Protein backbone atom coordinates (compact mmCIF):
# COMPACT_ATOMS: atom_id res chain seq x y z
CA MET A 1 -17.80 -26.53 9.36
CA LEU A 2 -15.03 -25.47 7.03
CA ARG A 3 -16.00 -24.43 3.52
CA ALA A 4 -13.99 -25.25 0.43
CA ILE A 5 -12.33 -22.14 -0.99
CA PRO A 6 -13.51 -22.80 -4.59
CA ASP A 7 -17.09 -22.97 -3.31
CA LEU A 8 -16.66 -19.74 -1.38
CA ILE A 9 -15.14 -17.96 -4.39
CA SER A 10 -18.00 -19.13 -6.62
CA GLU A 11 -20.53 -17.84 -4.10
CA VAL A 12 -18.80 -14.46 -3.85
CA LYS A 13 -18.43 -14.11 -7.64
CA ALA A 14 -22.18 -14.61 -8.06
CA LYS A 15 -22.71 -11.41 -6.01
CA ILE A 16 -20.09 -9.13 -7.58
CA ARG A 17 -19.44 -7.63 -10.99
CA CYS A 18 -16.85 -9.60 -12.96
CA ILE A 19 -15.46 -8.22 -16.24
CA SER A 20 -12.66 -8.76 -18.74
CA ALA A 21 -9.49 -6.71 -18.91
CA GLU A 22 -10.67 -5.17 -22.18
CA GLU A 23 -13.94 -4.04 -20.61
CA ALA A 24 -12.09 -2.57 -17.64
CA ALA A 25 -9.63 -0.70 -19.88
CA LYS A 26 -12.46 0.80 -21.98
CA GLU A 27 -14.40 1.87 -18.90
CA ARG A 28 -11.33 3.36 -17.23
CA GLU A 29 -10.70 5.55 -20.29
CA ASN A 30 -14.04 7.23 -19.60
CA ASN A 31 -14.48 7.09 -15.85
CA LYS A 32 -10.87 7.40 -14.60
CA GLY A 33 -11.46 4.49 -12.22
CA LEU A 34 -8.77 3.03 -10.00
CA LEU A 35 -6.99 -0.15 -11.06
CA ILE A 36 -5.87 -1.98 -7.95
CA ASP A 37 -3.65 -5.04 -7.84
CA VAL A 38 -4.39 -6.95 -4.61
CA ARG A 39 -1.45 -9.34 -5.00
CA GLU A 40 1.55 -9.23 -2.71
CA PRO A 41 4.24 -6.61 -3.52
CA ALA A 42 6.71 -9.17 -4.91
CA GLU A 43 4.05 -10.53 -7.29
CA HIS A 44 3.14 -7.03 -8.40
CA SER A 45 6.80 -6.10 -8.98
CA ALA A 46 7.38 -9.21 -11.09
CA LYS A 47 4.38 -8.60 -13.39
CA PRO A 48 2.90 -5.12 -12.96
CA ALA A 49 0.00 -3.82 -15.02
CA ASN A 50 0.41 -0.29 -16.33
CA GLY A 51 -1.38 2.16 -14.03
CA ALA A 52 -2.17 -0.35 -11.29
CA ILE A 53 -1.85 0.61 -7.65
CA ASN A 54 -0.57 -2.25 -5.51
CA ILE A 55 -2.50 -2.68 -2.27
CA PRO A 56 -2.29 -6.24 -0.93
CA ARG A 57 -5.59 -7.84 0.03
CA GLY A 58 -4.76 -7.83 3.72
CA LEU A 59 -4.39 -4.04 3.76
CA LEU A 60 -6.95 -3.06 1.15
CA GLU A 61 -9.84 -1.71 3.20
CA MET A 62 -7.62 0.41 5.42
CA LYS A 63 -5.33 1.75 2.69
CA LEU A 64 -8.08 2.40 0.15
CA MET A 65 -10.03 4.49 2.63
CA GLU A 66 -6.94 6.74 2.86
CA ILE A 67 -6.58 6.99 -0.93
CA GLU A 68 -10.20 7.17 -2.09
CA LYS A 69 -12.94 8.79 -0.01
CA ASP A 70 -15.65 8.63 -2.71
CA PRO A 71 -17.63 5.41 -2.19
CA ASP A 72 -18.97 5.62 -5.76
CA LYS A 73 -15.57 5.90 -7.49
CA PRO A 74 -15.14 3.06 -10.01
CA ILE A 75 -12.66 0.53 -8.67
CA TYR A 76 -11.23 -2.35 -10.69
CA LEU A 77 -9.53 -5.13 -8.74
CA HIS A 78 -7.21 -7.80 -10.07
CA CYS A 79 -4.88 -10.52 -8.83
CA ALA A 80 -3.38 -13.62 -10.44
CA SER A 81 -6.55 -15.76 -10.58
CA SER A 82 -9.37 -13.38 -9.52
CA ALA A 83 -9.88 -15.26 -6.23
CA ARG A 84 -8.23 -12.64 -4.01
CA ALA A 85 -9.79 -9.87 -6.06
CA ALA A 86 -13.27 -11.39 -5.58
CA LEU A 87 -12.82 -11.66 -1.81
CA SER A 88 -11.47 -8.10 -1.80
CA ALA A 89 -14.52 -6.83 -3.70
CA GLU A 90 -16.78 -8.42 -1.12
CA GLN A 91 -14.89 -6.64 1.68
CA LEU A 92 -14.97 -3.27 -0.10
CA ALA A 93 -18.74 -3.59 -0.45
CA ARG A 94 -18.96 -4.22 3.29
CA VAL A 95 -17.20 -0.95 4.06
CA GLY A 96 -19.39 0.98 1.62
CA TYR A 97 -17.77 1.08 -1.82
CA THR A 98 -20.55 0.74 -4.39
CA ASN A 99 -18.82 0.57 -7.78
CA VAL A 100 -16.32 -2.30 -7.56
CA SER A 101 -15.52 -4.68 -10.42
CA VAL A 102 -13.25 -7.72 -10.53
CA ILE A 103 -11.13 -8.38 -13.60
CA THR A 104 -11.32 -12.12 -14.20
CA CYS A 105 -8.48 -13.00 -16.54
CA SER A 106 -4.76 -13.61 -16.41
CA VAL A 107 -2.26 -10.95 -15.39
CA GLU A 108 -0.81 -11.14 -18.90
CA GLU A 109 -4.19 -10.20 -20.38
CA ILE A 110 -4.49 -7.35 -17.91
CA GLN A 111 -0.99 -6.12 -18.81
CA LYS A 112 -1.86 -6.25 -22.51
CA ALA A 113 -5.16 -4.37 -22.08
CA CYS A 114 -3.56 -1.71 -19.87
CA SER A 115 -0.53 -1.01 -22.05
């Protein structure tokens, strides 16, 4: 049976840490966490957030394991609506990352908080 994507996203979000852009920016000042944009490269280029690394959702697990070997490093994920970021957080937990947060606001809010 196919599951509706909004239902799946709601289920995933109930299991992950979701925060605002302001919270993420404050935390990153102290913990030097990674800000990762899981949108496609063209989306990232059109509206980048200052300091964000662009790793599209489809490549995230493989690329992040090359960039960050510490499973406890704070990681902050964002996309355009938080749906891809939520699914990405679930996958990162599966491969062993323990400190992943999803920023659940618009890209414009993320840009403002990260400037």
